[in-house]
Amino acid sequence: MRVSDYIVNYLKENGIKDFFGYQGTMISYLVDAIGKNKDVKNHVCYNEQGAALEAVGYAKTSGGISCAYSTSGPGATNLITGIADAFYDSVPVLFITGQLNTYEYTNVNSIRQQGFQESDIVSIIKPITKYAVKIENENDISYELEKALYIMQEGRPGPVLLDLPMNIQKSNIDITKIKHFEIPKEKKDIDYLGICENILNEIKNSKRPVLFLGNGIKKDKKSISEIRNLINKLKIPVIYSMLGKSLIEDDSPYNFGFMGSAYGQRYSNLIGYKKADLIVSLGCRLNGRTIGIKRNNFNPSAKIIRIEIDKEELKLPIHSDDIVYNIDVNKLIKQMNVILLNKQINEKKDWLNICQQIKDKLKNIDNDIKEWLPNRYISLINEITEDESNIFVDVGQNQVWAAHSIKIKKNQKIIFSGGLGAMGFALPASIGGCISANKKNTYVIVGDGGLQMNIQELQLLKHENLPITIFVFNNESLGLIHQQQSDFFDNKYYGACYEGGYSAPDFCKIADAYGIKSYQVNTLDKFKKIITTYDKSKPALIEIKINIGTKAYPKTYFGEEMYNQVPYISKNILDELLKL
């Protein structure tokens, strides 16, 4: 059997039936194998960065695995942004790159380049993969494929890369004689039952416990069902990182928002940073973006329990007396549900009432501020999304607005580029996510800057006629940078708007050129009319014109405690809430 055919068959048998990539000479045999296999689909992208992010969006949506490919040299290096996004957000994606024929390499290793379009992609991306290897012998293909798929899903998930020289791709192998990878045995038994009992006792004995949900909790349907069952059994307030937003419905009585040191929700920040006496963190890194750069300042009077599979993350303590468990949070959640099956947990009604008072008061204040106009557009978008739909959000002010104002419905997900924070993420990721979700209606929230990063993927969107609606907020500036320059650079907008060298096109004209139906609005009334009448079953772009200088609020400024955000609320109201 030809190596390329073996790869495609093996990946198909392991659940990968969609491939994202861009044709090139050094990957041609793999593309040929994908094309000939009637049980898989090749999605032709228009830049390898788009292909990588499409595969990432596919896996983030399904909670499973995915695959992207490219040719050698510039094709491989174009994958790097997607590889990094997968690495930092713990997404299991297999990347396959074509490479120079093995017989073309010289015996001078110090030479700068071994041949045309050759780059040592393995060395380049090793710091942002769990495993990366160049296949030197065709008989290693089964071993390396099996090893790669095991590594990318074991422990804290992440991307892997196989570099395939062209002559290896077209080689023939005897599948009865090739070697295989042996999955390592688990090193030790973990007392999940005992750990669960300890955590439940801590919750029982605390007066103001909070469950904090992070990206380490899997996003497949079964895992989301497990964590929601646990929430309903524990009956305590829940807060989460931005990437944990999809784990709990908005209408849950235990949902108290996403916490973030800069742009978190006021009520979540106040509850987590100041009011809770116990924080049980499930699969969250608790990094500076979440709890503040000065980690030990975060709620010093609270006991913190951390469940984290990555032991390196636990080397960064918050308090000296943190209780830490280096275990699989998803196994823990399942075990806790088993323990609680026949147990009755008394709801901490007084504490829940305090949290609700804080939420209601601070939410109403934000809803009334004049800077909340973009959030009102987001709320209208929320109204037309379906329970089964997914929302992909780019990076910038649009991310802050969406994180605050999207209300998660029953089987809905909101998907971000988290650790990497890659502008240009949302459009390609939505394409992969839409395909992963069997082409259910999908929505993109993006700024004018982010859309231009991977705008070429509009061609794939149109080519496959996917039901994706793009809402592009166009303030003709890089909004967060413009906001930062207003605050700290004396209104010198270098690189952030037209006067500083940045500009935005007419996106409707661009959409029309791709054959995508488009609309432009500049008022809420016009927006309401369009979103209730346009055809959501086909590609569409709706450009929302907003004023340059529009802000993303609330925001914590340097030196302030996380809950004391701009626009500042009155000291009387803040003191009243702090006393509750």
Protein backbone atom coordinates (compact mmCIF):
# COMPACT_ATOMS: atom_id res chain seq x y z
CA MET A 1 0.00 0.00 0.00
CA ARG A 2 1.19 3.52 -0.75
CA VAL A 3 2.15 5.51 2.37
CA SER A 4 -0.21 8.38 1.52
CA ASP A 5 -3.16 6.00 1.15
CA TYR A 6 -2.24 4.33 4.43
CA ILE A 7 -2.23 7.70 6.23
CA VAL A 8 -5.65 8.71 4.92
CA ASN A 9 -7.19 5.31 5.73
CA TYR A 10 -5.71 5.31 9.22
CA LEU A 11 -6.93 8.82 10.00
CA LYS A 12 -10.39 8.00 8.63
CA GLU A 13 -10.58 4.97 10.93
CA ASN A 14 -9.69 7.26 13.84
CA GLY A 15 -12.45 9.77 13.13
CA ILE A 16 -10.75 12.28 10.82
CA LYS A 17 -12.87 12.60 7.69
CA ASP A 18 -12.26 16.26 6.86
CA PHE A 19 -8.89 17.60 5.76
CA PHE A 20 -7.97 21.30 5.48
CA GLY A 21 -5.07 22.43 3.34
CA TYR A 22 -3.60 23.97 0.24
CA GLN A 23 -2.08 22.02 -2.64
CA GLY A 24 1.65 22.19 -3.32
CA THR A 25 4.21 19.96 -5.03
CA MET A 26 5.76 18.48 -1.90
CA ILE A 27 2.39 17.39 -0.47
CA SER A 28 0.88 16.24 -3.77
CA TYR A 29 0.78 12.51 -3.03
CA LEU A 30 -1.11 13.02 0.23
CA VAL A 31 -3.58 15.32 -1.54
CA ASP A 32 -3.99 12.66 -4.23
CA ALA A 33 -4.78 10.05 -1.56
CA ILE A 34 -7.33 12.34 0.10
CA GLY A 35 -8.98 13.08 -3.23
CA LYS A 36 -9.26 9.43 -4.24
CA ASN A 37 -10.78 8.33 -0.93
CA LYS A 38 -14.57 8.60 -1.21
CA ASP A 39 -15.05 8.48 2.58
CA VAL A 40 -13.19 11.72 3.33
CA LYS A 41 -13.45 15.34 2.18
CA ASN A 42 -10.71 17.74 1.11
CA HIS A 43 -11.46 21.37 1.95
CA VAL A 44 -9.26 23.58 -0.20
CA CYS A 45 -8.27 26.73 1.66
CA TYR A 46 -6.67 29.86 0.24
CA ASN A 47 -3.83 30.36 2.68
CA GLU A 48 -2.23 27.74 4.90
CA GLN A 49 -2.88 29.91 7.96
CA GLY A 50 -6.56 29.67 7.09
CA ALA A 51 -6.23 25.88 6.78
CA ALA A 52 -4.58 25.59 10.19
CA LEU A 53 -7.23 27.74 11.89
CA GLU A 54 -10.02 25.85 10.09
CA ALA A 55 -8.69 22.63 11.60
CA VAL A 56 -8.44 24.31 15.01
CA GLY A 57 -12.03 25.58 14.72
CA TYR A 58 -13.16 22.09 13.73
CA ALA A 59 -11.62 20.52 16.84
CA LYS A 60 -12.70 23.31 19.21
CA THR A 61 -16.28 22.81 18.03
CA SER A 62 -16.42 19.02 18.13
CA GLY A 63 -14.26 18.49 21.19
CA GLY A 64 -12.42 15.89 19.09
CA ILE A 65 -9.45 15.80 16.75
CA SER A 66 -8.76 17.26 13.30
CA CYS A 67 -6.11 17.53 10.58
CA ALA A 68 -4.52 20.22 8.39
CA TYR A 69 -1.82 19.82 5.76
CA SER A 70 0.51 22.00 3.71
CA THR A 71 3.38 21.78 1.31
CA SER A 72 6.98 22.43 2.39
CA GLY A 73 8.74 25.73 3.02
CA PRO A 74 6.34 28.71 2.93
CA GLY A 75 3.35 26.39 3.13
CA ALA A 76 4.66 24.86 6.35
CA THR A 77 5.63 28.19 7.89
CA ASN A 78 2.19 29.59 7.12
CA LEU A 79 0.72 26.95 9.45
CA ILE A 80 2.52 28.34 12.49
CA THR A 81 -0.23 30.66 13.77
CA GLY A 82 -2.76 27.82 13.82
CA ILE A 83 -0.26 25.47 15.44
CA ALA A 84 0.40 28.02 18.18
CA ASP A 85 -3.31 28.59 18.75
CA ALA A 86 -3.83 24.84 19.16
CA PHE A 87 -0.88 24.57 21.53
CA TYR A 88 -1.88 27.38 23.88
CA ASP A 89 -5.58 26.43 23.90
CA SER A 90 -4.90 22.68 24.28
CA VAL A 91 -6.45 21.57 20.98
CA PRO A 92 -5.54 18.14 19.52
CA VAL A 93 -4.75 18.83 15.85
CA LEU A 94 -2.54 16.77 13.55
CA PHE A 95 -0.51 18.89 11.13
CA ILE A 96 1.10 17.18 8.14
CA THR A 97 3.69 18.98 6.04
CA GLY A 98 5.31 17.97 2.79
CA GLN A 99 9.09 18.03 2.61
CA LEU A 100 12.04 17.76 0.25
CA ASN A 101 12.83 14.22 -0.98
CA THR A 102 15.22 12.54 1.44
CA TYR A 103 17.74 11.85 -1.34
CA GLU A 104 18.02 15.60 -2.09
CA TYR A 105 19.60 16.38 1.28
CA THR A 106 23.35 17.00 1.33
CA ASN A 107 25.74 15.71 3.97
CA VAL A 108 26.51 19.31 5.01
CA ASN A 109 24.08 19.91 7.87
CA SER A 110 25.30 23.45 8.43
CA ILE A 111 24.16 24.63 5.01
CA ARG A 112 21.43 27.26 5.21
CA GLN A 113 18.93 25.53 2.89
CA GLN A 114 19.05 22.00 1.52
CA GLY A 115 16.87 22.63 -1.52
CA PHE A 116 14.10 24.71 -3.07
CA GLN A 117 11.27 25.42 -0.62
CA GLU A 118 13.01 23.41 2.09
CA SER A 119 12.71 24.57 5.69
CA ASP A 120 13.39 22.64 8.87
CA ILE A 121 9.81 22.99 10.05
CA VAL A 122 10.28 20.41 12.83
CA SER A 123 12.94 22.52 14.57
CA ILE A 124 10.96 25.71 13.97
CA ILE A 125 7.73 24.52 15.62
CA LYS A 126 8.98 22.16 18.33
CA PRO A 127 8.37 24.73 21.12
CA ILE A 128 4.68 24.97 20.13
CA THR A 129 3.87 21.27 19.60
CA LYS A 130 3.65 18.28 21.87
CA TYR A 131 5.49 16.18 19.31
CA ALA A 132 7.09 16.86 15.91
CA VAL A 133 9.11 14.53 13.72
CA LYS A 134 10.31 14.13 10.14
CA ILE A 135 9.63 10.65 8.74
CA GLU A 136 12.92 9.28 7.39
CA ASN A 137 11.78 5.74 6.60
CA GLU A 138 8.45 4.69 5.07
CA ASN A 139 8.19 1.72 7.42
CA ASP A 140 8.00 4.09 10.40
CA ILE A 141 4.72 5.60 9.23
CA SER A 142 2.37 3.45 11.30
CA TYR A 143 4.46 3.84 14.45
CA GLU A 144 4.69 7.61 14.07
CA LEU A 145 1.01 8.09 13.21
CA GLU A 146 -0.11 6.04 16.19
CA LYS A 147 2.36 7.80 18.47
CA ALA A 148 1.31 11.25 17.25
CA LEU A 149 -2.41 10.63 17.75
CA TYR A 150 -1.77 9.23 21.23
CA ILE A 151 0.44 12.12 22.32
CA MET A 152 -1.87 14.85 21.04
CA GLN A 153 -4.78 13.53 23.13
CA GLU A 154 -2.94 12.25 26.20
CA GLY A 155 -2.71 14.47 29.29
CA ARG A 156 -3.08 18.12 28.35
CA PRO A 157 -4.04 17.93 24.64
CA GLY A 158 -2.22 19.84 21.93
CA PRO A 159 -0.95 19.79 18.35
CA VAL A 160 1.54 17.40 16.76
CA LEU A 161 3.30 17.56 13.40
CA LEU A 162 4.53 14.92 10.95
CA ASP A 163 6.91 16.12 8.24
CA LEU A 164 6.66 13.88 5.17
CA PRO A 165 9.34 13.95 2.48
CA MET A 166 7.79 13.58 -0.96
CA ASN A 167 9.47 10.26 -1.73
CA ILE A 168 8.18 8.82 1.56
CA GLN A 169 4.61 9.80 0.64
CA LYS A 170 4.75 7.82 -2.62
CA SER A 171 6.63 4.80 -1.22
CA ASN A 172 4.92 1.44 -0.90
CA ILE A 173 4.81 -0.51 2.36
CA ASP A 174 3.85 -4.01 3.42
CA ILE A 175 1.30 -3.33 6.17
CA THR A 176 1.89 -6.82 7.62
CA LYS A 177 5.53 -6.01 8.41
CA ILE A 178 5.49 -2.44 9.68
CA LYS A 179 6.08 -1.68 13.36
CA HIS A 180 3.44 -0.21 15.68
CA PHE A 181 3.42 2.12 18.67
CA GLU A 182 2.63 0.61 22.06
CA ILE A 183 0.53 2.83 24.32
CA PRO A 184 2.32 3.27 27.67
CA LYS A 185 0.64 1.87 30.75
CA GLU A 186 -0.64 4.35 33.31
CA LYS A 187 2.08 4.94 35.86
CA LYS A 188 -0.06 5.05 38.98
CA ASP A 189 -3.57 4.73 40.28
CA ILE A 190 -5.07 8.01 41.42
CA ASP A 191 -7.50 8.10 44.32
CA TYR A 192 -10.18 10.14 42.56
CA LEU A 193 -12.75 9.02 45.13
CA GLY A 194 -10.70 10.37 48.03
CA ILE A 195 -9.97 13.64 46.23
CA CYS A 196 -13.67 14.11 45.47
CA GLU A 197 -14.60 13.55 49.09
CA ASN A 198 -12.00 16.10 50.20
CA ILE A 199 -13.31 18.72 47.79
CA LEU A 200 -16.93 18.10 48.74
CA ASN A 201 -16.05 18.45 52.43
CA GLU A 202 -14.32 21.77 51.73
CA ILE A 203 -17.43 23.00 49.88
CA LYS A 204 -19.70 21.80 52.68
CA ASN A 205 -17.63 23.56 55.35
CA SER A 206 -17.27 26.86 53.51
CA LYS A 207 -19.77 29.70 53.70
CA ARG A 208 -19.12 31.24 50.29
CA PRO A 209 -17.80 28.63 47.84
CA VAL A 210 -17.39 29.25 44.12
CA LEU A 211 -16.79 26.81 41.28
CA PHE A 212 -14.38 28.20 38.69
CA LEU A 213 -14.47 26.56 35.25
CA GLY A 214 -11.61 26.63 32.76
CA ASN A 215 -10.64 25.45 29.31
CA GLY A 216 -9.33 22.13 30.65
CA ILE A 217 -12.90 20.84 30.78
CA LYS A 218 -13.64 19.15 27.46
CA LYS A 219 -16.23 20.69 25.13
CA ASP A 220 -17.75 17.55 23.59
CA LYS A 221 -21.45 16.97 24.32
CA LYS A 222 -20.85 14.29 26.94
CA SER A 223 -18.34 16.37 28.92
CA ILE A 224 -20.52 19.49 28.84
CA SER A 225 -23.44 17.39 30.11
CA GLU A 226 -21.25 16.07 32.94
CA ILE A 227 -20.16 19.51 34.16
CA ARG A 228 -23.70 20.88 33.95
CA ASN A 229 -24.97 17.93 35.99
CA LEU A 230 -22.30 18.64 38.59
CA ILE A 231 -23.23 22.33 38.73
CA ASN A 232 -26.88 21.49 39.34
CA LYS A 233 -25.94 19.04 42.10
CA LEU A 234 -23.47 21.29 43.92
CA LYS A 235 -25.81 24.31 43.76
CA ILE A 236 -23.08 26.88 44.27
CA PRO A 237 -22.14 29.98 42.26
CA VAL A 238 -20.16 29.34 39.07
CA ILE A 239 -17.71 31.71 37.40
CA TYR A 240 -15.38 30.88 34.52
CA SER A 241 -12.57 31.98 32.26
CA MET A 242 -13.49 33.41 28.86
CA LEU A 243 -12.74 30.03 27.26
CA GLY A 244 -15.02 28.35 29.79
CA LYS A 245 -18.06 30.42 28.80
CA SER A 246 -19.69 27.61 26.78
CA LEU A 247 -19.78 25.25 29.77
CA ILE A 248 -22.87 26.74 31.44
CA GLU A 249 -26.10 28.14 30.01
CA ASP A 250 -26.79 31.79 30.62
CA ASP A 251 -30.14 31.08 32.27
CA SER A 252 -28.64 28.79 34.92
CA PRO A 253 -29.35 30.19 38.41
CA TYR A 254 -25.69 29.44 39.23
CA ASN A 255 -24.13 31.41 36.36
CA PHE A 256 -22.23 34.45 37.63
CA GLY A 257 -20.15 35.36 34.63
CA PHE A 258 -16.59 35.29 33.33
CA MET A 259 -13.74 36.58 35.43
CA GLY A 260 -10.86 38.48 33.86
CA SER A 261 -8.28 40.83 35.29
CA ALA A 262 -8.70 43.43 32.51
CA TYR A 263 -12.10 42.93 30.84
CA GLY A 264 -13.98 40.50 33.06
CA GLN A 265 -17.55 41.10 34.11
CA ARG A 266 -17.82 43.38 37.13
CA TYR A 267 -19.96 41.04 39.19
CA SER A 268 -17.82 37.98 38.43
CA ASN A 269 -14.65 39.86 39.31
CA LEU A 270 -16.14 41.10 42.57
CA ILE A 271 -17.44 37.66 43.56
CA GLY A 272 -14.20 35.83 42.72
CA TYR A 273 -11.65 38.45 43.73
CA LYS A 274 -13.25 39.67 46.93
CA LYS A 275 -16.33 37.82 48.19
CA ALA A 276 -15.72 34.04 47.91
CA ASP A 277 -14.05 32.17 50.77
CA LEU A 278 -13.39 29.03 48.71
CA ILE A 279 -12.56 28.78 45.00
CA VAL A 280 -12.54 25.34 43.41
CA SER A 281 -10.75 25.77 40.08
CA LEU A 282 -11.51 23.03 37.58
CA GLY A 283 -9.07 22.95 34.66
CA CYS A 284 -8.11 26.63 34.63
CA ARG A 285 -4.53 27.90 34.51
CA LEU A 286 -5.45 30.90 36.70
CA ASN A 287 -2.95 33.03 34.80
CA GLY A 288 -2.42 36.78 34.90
CA ARG A 289 -5.09 37.41 32.27
CA THR A 290 -7.61 35.81 34.64
CA ILE A 291 -6.58 36.71 38.18
CA GLY A 292 -4.09 39.56 37.70
CA ILE A 293 -0.33 39.74 37.26
CA LYS A 294 0.28 39.98 41.02
CA ARG A 295 -1.06 36.51 41.69
CA ASN A 296 -0.80 36.59 45.47
CA ASN A 297 -3.07 39.65 45.59
CA PHE A 298 -5.95 37.58 44.27
CA ASN A 299 -8.50 37.09 47.07
CA PRO A 300 -5.91 36.51 49.84
CA SER A 301 -8.57 35.43 52.36
CA ALA A 302 -9.94 32.63 50.16
CA LYS A 303 -8.88 29.00 50.16
CA ILE A 304 -8.05 27.87 46.62
CA ILE A 305 -8.29 24.30 45.34
CA ARG A 306 -6.70 23.77 41.92
CA ILE A 307 -7.34 20.75 39.70
CA GLU A 308 -4.88 20.94 36.82
CA ILE A 309 -3.48 18.24 34.51
CA ASP A 310 -0.39 20.24 33.55
CA LYS A 311 2.06 19.98 36.44
CA GLU A 312 4.09 22.89 35.07
CA GLU A 313 1.15 25.25 35.63
CA LEU A 314 1.06 24.22 39.28
CA LYS A 315 4.62 25.49 39.72
CA LEU A 316 3.08 28.98 39.70
CA PRO A 317 1.33 29.22 43.08
CA ILE A 318 -1.32 31.77 43.96
CA HIS A 319 -1.20 31.45 47.73
CA SER A 320 1.30 29.46 49.75
CA ASP A 321 -1.45 27.20 51.09
CA ASP A 322 -3.11 26.31 47.76
CA ILE A 323 -4.53 22.79 47.65
CA VAL A 324 -3.40 21.34 44.33
CA TYR A 325 -4.23 18.12 42.49
CA ASN A 326 -2.26 17.26 39.34
CA ILE A 327 -5.02 15.11 37.81
CA ASP A 328 -7.46 14.90 34.90
CA VAL A 329 -10.31 17.31 35.66
CA ASN A 330 -12.71 15.47 33.35
CA LYS A 331 -12.25 12.19 35.25
CA LEU A 332 -12.74 14.08 38.50
CA ILE A 333 -16.02 15.61 37.30
CA LYS A 334 -17.35 12.16 36.33
CA GLN A 335 -16.38 10.74 39.73
CA MET A 336 -18.00 13.62 41.59
CA ASN A 337 -21.24 13.04 39.71
CA VAL A 338 -21.15 9.37 40.73
CA ILE A 339 -20.61 10.28 44.39
CA LEU A 340 -23.40 12.86 44.33
CA LEU A 341 -25.88 10.54 42.62
CA ASN A 342 -27.63 9.67 45.85
CA LYS A 343 -26.52 12.61 47.98
CA GLN A 344 -28.52 15.72 48.76
CA ILE A 345 -26.55 18.97 48.85
CA ASN A 346 -28.03 21.82 50.83
CA GLU A 347 -28.18 24.96 48.73
CA LYS A 348 -26.32 27.89 50.28
CA LYS A 349 -29.26 30.24 49.73
CA ASP A 350 -27.87 33.25 51.58
CA TRP A 351 -24.65 33.18 49.55
CA LEU A 352 -26.50 32.70 46.26
CA ASN A 353 -28.75 35.62 47.18
CA ILE A 354 -25.71 37.85 47.82
CA CYS A 355 -24.21 36.87 44.45
CA GLN A 356 -27.51 37.59 42.71
CA GLN A 357 -27.74 41.03 44.32
CA ILE A 358 -24.21 41.84 43.13
CA LYS A 359 -24.94 40.55 39.63
CA ASP A 360 -28.22 42.41 39.25
CA LYS A 361 -26.85 45.71 40.52
CA LEU A 362 -23.66 45.73 38.43
CA LYS A 363 -25.28 44.30 35.32
CA ASN A 364 -27.90 47.05 35.33
CA ILE A 365 -25.21 49.71 35.70
CA ASP A 366 -23.30 48.42 32.65
CA ASN A 367 -26.45 48.03 30.57
CA ASP A 368 -27.15 51.73 31.04
CA ILE A 369 -23.75 53.21 30.18
CA LYS A 370 -23.50 55.13 26.90
CA GLU A 371 -20.50 53.08 25.78
CA TRP A 372 -22.68 49.95 25.68
CA LEU A 373 -23.94 50.46 22.08
CA PRO A 374 -21.85 47.62 20.53
CA ASN A 375 -23.14 45.31 23.25
CA ARG A 376 -26.69 46.16 22.20
CA TYR A 377 -25.85 44.99 18.69
CA ILE A 378 -24.40 41.79 20.20
CA SER A 379 -27.59 41.23 22.20
CA LEU A 380 -29.64 41.45 18.99
CA ILE A 381 -27.32 38.94 17.32
CA ASN A 382 -27.87 36.69 20.30
CA GLU A 383 -31.63 36.78 19.76
CA ILE A 384 -31.43 35.29 16.24
CA THR A 385 -28.97 32.49 17.04
CA GLU A 386 -30.32 28.98 17.47
CA ASP A 387 -29.81 26.64 20.43
CA GLU A 388 -27.61 24.36 18.31
CA SER A 389 -25.62 27.13 16.62
CA ASN A 390 -22.01 28.12 17.30
CA ILE A 391 -20.53 31.61 17.53
CA PHE A 392 -16.92 32.34 16.58
CA VAL A 393 -15.35 35.49 17.92
CA ASP A 394 -12.18 37.22 16.76
CA VAL A 395 -9.71 39.24 18.83
CA GLY A 396 -10.04 42.89 19.82
CA GLN A 397 -12.94 44.94 21.12
CA ASN A 398 -15.39 42.57 19.43
CA GLN A 399 -14.13 39.79 21.71
CA VAL A 400 -14.83 41.84 24.84
CA TRP A 401 -18.30 42.86 23.64
CA ALA A 402 -19.20 39.26 22.75
CA ALA A 403 -17.83 37.79 25.98
CA HIS A 404 -19.99 40.21 27.96
CA SER A 405 -23.20 40.09 25.95
CA ILE A 406 -23.59 36.71 24.26
CA LYS A 407 -25.95 34.56 26.31
CA ILE A 408 -25.13 30.87 25.93
CA LYS A 409 -28.17 28.78 25.01
CA LYS A 410 -28.77 25.09 25.65
CA ASN A 411 -26.46 23.42 23.10
CA GLN A 412 -24.56 26.46 21.92
CA LYS A 413 -20.83 27.20 21.99
CA ILE A 414 -18.90 30.43 21.77
CA ILE A 415 -15.36 29.90 20.51
CA PHE A 416 -12.35 32.18 20.93
CA SER A 417 -8.63 32.28 20.24
CA GLY A 418 -7.56 32.33 23.87
CA GLY A 419 -3.89 32.09 24.81
CA LEU A 420 -2.52 33.17 21.45
CA GLY A 421 -5.17 35.83 20.85
CA ALA A 422 -4.84 35.65 17.07
CA MET A 423 -6.55 38.29 14.99
CA GLY A 424 -7.90 36.63 11.85
CA PHE A 425 -9.05 33.58 13.84
CA ALA A 426 -12.82 33.81 13.62
CA LEU A 427 -13.53 33.49 9.89
CA PRO A 428 -11.44 30.39 9.14
CA ALA A 429 -12.25 28.81 12.50
CA SER A 430 -15.97 29.26 11.80
CA ILE A 431 -15.60 27.40 8.50
CA GLY A 432 -13.99 24.42 10.23
CA GLY A 433 -16.54 24.63 13.03
CA CYS A 434 -19.50 24.79 10.65
CA ILE A 435 -18.27 21.69 8.81
CA SER A 436 -17.66 19.92 12.13
CA ALA A 437 -21.25 20.71 13.20
CA ASN A 438 -22.78 19.22 10.03
CA LYS A 439 -23.26 22.66 8.48
CA LYS A 440 -25.58 24.07 11.13
CA ASN A 441 -26.07 27.83 11.16
CA THR A 442 -22.88 29.49 12.35
CA TYR A 443 -22.09 33.09 13.31
CA VAL A 444 -18.90 35.17 13.24
CA ILE A 445 -18.27 38.31 15.29
CA VAL A 446 -15.19 40.16 14.06
CA GLY A 447 -13.68 43.62 13.74
CA ASP A 448 -12.52 45.31 10.56
CA GLY A 449 -8.89 44.58 11.45
CA GLY A 450 -9.39 40.89 12.16
CA LEU A 451 -11.46 40.22 9.06
CA GLN A 452 -8.71 41.53 6.80
CA MET A 453 -6.21 39.06 8.27
CA ASN A 454 -7.74 36.00 6.56
CA ILE A 455 -10.27 37.59 4.23
CA GLN A 456 -9.27 35.22 1.42
CA GLU A 457 -11.17 32.41 3.18
CA LEU A 458 -14.39 34.05 2.00
CA GLN A 459 -13.73 32.07 -1.18
CA LEU A 460 -13.95 28.75 0.69
CA LEU A 461 -17.05 29.98 2.50
CA LYS A 462 -18.70 30.72 -0.83
CA HIS A 463 -17.32 27.64 -2.61
CA GLU A 464 -18.87 25.30 -0.05
CA ASN A 465 -21.93 27.54 0.38
CA LEU A 466 -21.81 27.31 4.17
CA PRO A 467 -24.55 28.88 6.35
CA ILE A 468 -22.20 31.32 8.05
CA THR A 469 -23.14 34.91 8.86
CA ILE A 470 -20.28 37.34 9.41
CA PHE A 471 -21.01 40.37 11.61
CA VAL A 472 -18.13 42.77 11.08
CA PHE A 473 -17.93 45.73 13.45
CA ASN A 474 -16.26 48.44 11.40
CA ASN A 475 -14.99 51.45 13.31
CA GLU A 476 -12.25 51.93 10.70
CA SER A 477 -9.59 51.45 13.34
CA LEU A 478 -7.85 48.86 15.44
CA GLY A 479 -10.21 49.57 18.29
CA LEU A 480 -8.35 48.22 21.32
CA ILE A 481 -5.11 49.83 20.16
CA HIS A 482 -6.94 53.12 19.52
CA GLN A 483 -8.40 52.88 23.02
CA GLN A 484 -4.97 52.16 24.51
CA GLN A 485 -3.42 55.07 22.65
CA SER A 486 -6.17 57.35 23.95
CA ASP A 487 -5.34 56.33 27.49
CA PHE A 488 -1.54 56.14 27.45
CA PHE A 489 -0.12 57.76 24.30
CA ASP A 490 -1.65 61.24 24.34
CA ASN A 491 -4.04 60.44 21.47
CA LYS A 492 -1.23 59.57 19.05
CA TYR A 493 -2.86 56.89 16.92
CA TYR A 494 0.13 55.43 15.12
CA GLY A 495 -0.93 52.38 13.12
CA ALA A 496 -4.42 52.35 14.64
CA CYS A 497 -6.57 54.46 12.30
CA TYR A 498 -6.51 56.35 9.02
CA GLU A 499 -4.44 59.25 10.30
CA GLY A 500 -1.92 56.77 11.75
CA GLY A 501 -1.58 54.66 8.60
CA TYR A 502 -4.35 52.08 9.02
CA SER A 503 -7.57 52.00 6.98
CA ALA A 504 -10.47 49.65 6.24
CA PRO A 505 -12.21 48.89 2.94
CA ASP A 506 -15.89 48.68 2.04
CA PHE A 507 -16.55 45.14 3.17
CA CYS A 508 -19.85 44.90 1.34
CA LYS A 509 -18.11 45.47 -1.98
CA ILE A 510 -15.59 42.77 -1.10
CA ALA A 511 -18.34 40.34 -0.13
CA ASP A 512 -20.12 41.09 -3.41
CA ALA A 513 -16.92 40.27 -5.31
CA TYR A 514 -16.89 36.85 -3.65
CA GLY A 515 -20.57 36.37 -4.47
CA ILE A 516 -21.68 36.67 -0.86
CA LYS A 517 -24.85 38.56 0.04
CA SER A 518 -24.02 41.64 2.08
CA TYR A 519 -25.68 44.43 4.05
CA GLN A 520 -24.43 47.62 5.71
CA VAL A 521 -26.06 49.24 8.75
CA ASN A 522 -25.34 52.14 11.06
CA THR A 523 -28.37 52.09 13.38
CA LEU A 524 -29.93 49.52 15.68
CA ASP A 525 -33.31 49.88 13.96
CA LYS A 526 -31.90 49.08 10.54
CA PHE A 527 -29.94 46.19 12.02
CA LYS A 528 -33.07 44.73 13.63
CA LYS A 529 -34.89 44.80 10.30
CA ILE A 530 -32.10 43.05 8.39
CA ILE A 531 -31.39 40.27 10.87
CA THR A 532 -35.06 39.28 11.00
CA THR A 533 -35.40 39.02 7.22
CA TYR A 534 -32.11 37.89 5.65
CA ASP A 535 -31.46 34.27 4.56
CA LYS A 536 -29.36 32.57 7.26
CA SER A 537 -29.07 29.35 5.25
CA LYS A 538 -26.47 30.90 2.92
CA PRO A 539 -23.23 32.86 3.38
CA ALA A 540 -23.89 36.45 4.43
CA LEU A 541 -21.91 39.46 5.63
CA ILE A 542 -23.43 42.26 7.68
CA GLU A 543 -21.20 45.29 8.16
CA ILE A 544 -22.00 47.32 11.27
CA LYS A 545 -20.62 50.84 11.05
CA ILE A 546 -19.75 52.25 14.48
CA ASN A 547 -17.86 55.36 15.51
CA ILE A 548 -14.11 55.49 15.64
CA GLY A 549 -13.10 55.77 19.27
CA THR A 550 -15.79 53.34 20.47
CA LYS A 551 -14.64 51.82 23.77
CA ALA A 552 -14.67 48.32 25.21
CA TYR A 553 -15.86 48.57 28.79
CA PRO A 554 -15.79 47.79 31.64
CA LYS A 555 -12.00 47.73 31.93
CA THR A 556 -9.64 47.42 34.87
CA TYR A 557 -6.83 49.94 34.75
CA PHE A 558 -3.32 49.37 36.10
CA GLY A 559 -3.11 49.61 39.86
CA GLU A 560 -6.83 49.04 40.45
CA GLU A 561 -8.36 45.96 42.01
CA MET A 562 -10.12 43.77 39.46
CA TYR A 563 -13.65 44.67 40.51
CA ASN A 564 -13.05 48.45 40.39
CA GLN A 565 -13.43 49.07 36.67
CA VAL A 566 -13.90 51.98 34.28
CA PRO A 567 -16.43 53.56 33.95
CA TYR A 568 -16.19 53.74 37.73
CA ILE A 569 -19.34 53.25 39.75
CA SER A 570 -20.11 55.42 42.76
CA LYS A 571 -18.18 54.70 45.95
CA ASN A 572 -21.45 54.35 47.86
CA ILE A 573 -22.68 51.53 45.62
CA LEU A 574 -19.30 49.78 45.70
CA ASP A 575 -19.07 50.01 49.50
CA GLU A 576 -22.61 48.68 49.79
CA LEU A 577 -21.76 45.62 47.69
CA LEU A 578 -18.48 45.01 49.49
CA LYS A 579 -20.35 44.86 52.81
CA LEU A 580 -22.78 42.17 51.68
